[in-house]
Amino acid sequence: MKLIAQQLLSVIPAVILRVLSYGLLILLTGAILQRFGVRIPSVPTIDVTQLAYLCGAWWLCNR
């Protein structure tokens, strides 16, 4: 299967948005779990303002 340049240029932004969306989903899930008392060592503690910004970023990414 050969990809031409135009196909490649349309696929790359879609893949980048997908990876970004998954990263935001992992951060959002970790932040919500911390609110219920589950501590995940790799996710830093997120306060209410940062959680709101994270939710906004997720919404904009999936829009």
C-alpha atoms as a PDB file:
ATOM      1  CA  MET A   1       0.000   0.000   0.000  1.00  0.00           C
ATOM      2  CA  LYS A   2       1.463   3.320  -1.035  1.00  0.00           C
ATOM      3  CA  LEU A   3       0.548   6.572   0.650  1.00  0.00           C
ATOM      4  CA  ILE A   4       0.718   9.723  -1.342  1.00  0.00           C
ATOM      5  CA  ALA A   5       1.795  12.979   0.276  1.00  0.00           C
ATOM      6  CA  GLN A   6      -1.737  14.372   0.544  1.00  0.00           C
ATOM      7  CA  GLN A   7      -2.994  11.258   2.319  1.00  0.00           C
ATOM      8  CA  LEU A   8      -0.055  11.370   4.681  1.00  0.00           C
ATOM      9  CA  LEU A   9      -0.679  15.037   5.478  1.00  0.00           C
ATOM     10  CA  SER A  10      -4.303  14.295   6.337  1.00  0.00           C
ATOM     11  CA  VAL A  11      -3.465  11.283   8.521  1.00  0.00           C
ATOM     12  CA  ILE A  12      -0.739  12.874  10.660  1.00  0.00           C
ATOM     13  CA  PRO A  13      -2.955  15.532  12.359  1.00  0.00           C
ATOM     14  CA  ALA A  14      -5.616  12.893  13.048  1.00  0.00           C
ATOM     15  CA  VAL A  15      -3.067  10.625  14.740  1.00  0.00           C
ATOM     16  CA  ILE A  16      -1.662  13.525  16.776  1.00  0.00           C
ATOM     17  CA  LEU A  17      -5.150  14.506  17.971  1.00  0.00           C
ATOM     18  CA  ARG A  18      -5.914  10.880  18.865  1.00  0.00           C
ATOM     19  CA  VAL A  19      -2.731  10.581  20.965  1.00  0.00           C
ATOM     20  CA  LEU A  20      -3.420  13.944  22.617  1.00  0.00           C
ATOM     21  CA  SER A  21      -6.983  12.901  23.360  1.00  0.00           C
ATOM     22  CA  TYR A  22      -5.852   9.654  24.995  1.00  0.00           C
ATOM     23  CA  GLY A  23      -3.287  11.523  27.089  1.00  0.00           C
ATOM     24  CA  LEU A  24      -5.899  13.993  28.284  1.00  0.00           C
ATOM     25  CA  LEU A  25      -8.284  11.134  29.047  1.00  0.00           C
ATOM     26  CA  ILE A  26      -5.649   9.421  31.205  1.00  0.00           C
ATOM     27  CA  LEU A  27      -4.938  12.663  33.098  1.00  0.00           C
ATOM     28  CA  LEU A  28      -8.650  13.356  33.550  1.00  0.00           C
ATOM     29  CA  THR A  29      -9.319   9.836  34.807  1.00  0.00           C
ATOM     30  CA  GLY A  30      -6.412  10.075  37.240  1.00  0.00           C
ATOM     31  CA  ALA A  31      -7.652  13.430  38.540  1.00  0.00           C
ATOM     32  CA  ILE A  32     -11.191  12.143  39.046  1.00  0.00           C
ATOM     33  CA  LEU A  33      -9.925   9.015  40.813  1.00  0.00           C
ATOM     34  CA  GLN A  34      -7.871  11.219  43.146  1.00  0.00           C
ATOM     35  CA  ARG A  35     -11.055  13.064  44.114  1.00  0.00           C
ATOM     36  CA  PHE A  36     -12.490   9.723  45.272  1.00  0.00           C
ATOM     37  CA  GLY A  37      -9.391   8.882  47.295  1.00  0.00           C
ATOM     38  CA  VAL A  38      -7.538   6.599  44.885  1.00  0.00           C
ATOM     39  CA  ARG A  39      -3.902   7.718  44.752  1.00  0.00           C
ATOM     40  CA  ILE A  40      -1.947   7.058  41.576  1.00  0.00           C
ATOM     41  CA  PRO A  41       1.772   7.750  42.124  1.00  0.00           C
ATOM     42  CA  SER A  42       2.520   8.801  38.535  1.00  0.00           C
ATOM     43  CA  VAL A  43      -0.281  11.416  38.380  1.00  0.00           C
ATOM     44  CA  PRO A  44       0.376  14.613  40.354  1.00  0.00           C
ATOM     45  CA  THR A  45      -2.297  16.075  42.601  1.00  0.00           C
ATOM     46  CA  ILE A  46      -4.610  18.352  40.611  1.00  0.00           C
ATOM     47  CA  ASP A  47      -6.647  21.117  42.223  1.00  0.00           C
ATOM     48  CA  VAL A  48     -10.083  22.320  41.106  1.00  0.00           C
ATOM     49  CA  THR A  49      -8.827  25.004  38.699  1.00  0.00           C
ATOM     50  CA  GLN A  50      -6.415  22.666  36.952  1.00  0.00           C
ATOM     51  CA  LEU A  51      -9.185  20.067  36.705  1.00  0.00           C
ATOM     52  CA  ALA A  52     -11.444  22.634  35.029  1.00  0.00           C
ATOM     53  CA  TYR A  53      -8.673  23.524  32.555  1.00  0.00           C
ATOM     54  CA  LEU A  54      -8.108  19.831  31.861  1.00  0.00           C
ATOM     55  CA  CYS A  55     -11.821  19.276  31.208  1.00  0.00           C
ATOM     56  CA  GLY A  56     -11.831  22.281  28.867  1.00  0.00           C
ATOM     57  CA  ALA A  57      -8.813  20.960  26.985  1.00  0.00           C
ATOM     58  CA  TRP A  58     -10.472  17.558  26.633  1.00  0.00           C
ATOM     59  CA  TRP A  59     -13.667  19.182  25.337  1.00  0.00           C
ATOM     60  CA  LEU A  60     -11.793  21.310  22.799  1.00  0.00           C
ATOM     61  CA  CYS A  61      -9.733  18.359  21.622  1.00  0.00           C
ATOM     62  CA  ASN A  62     -12.816  16.228  20.999  1.00  0.00           C
ATOM     63  CA  ARG A  63     -14.864  18.968  19.435  1.00  0.00           C
END
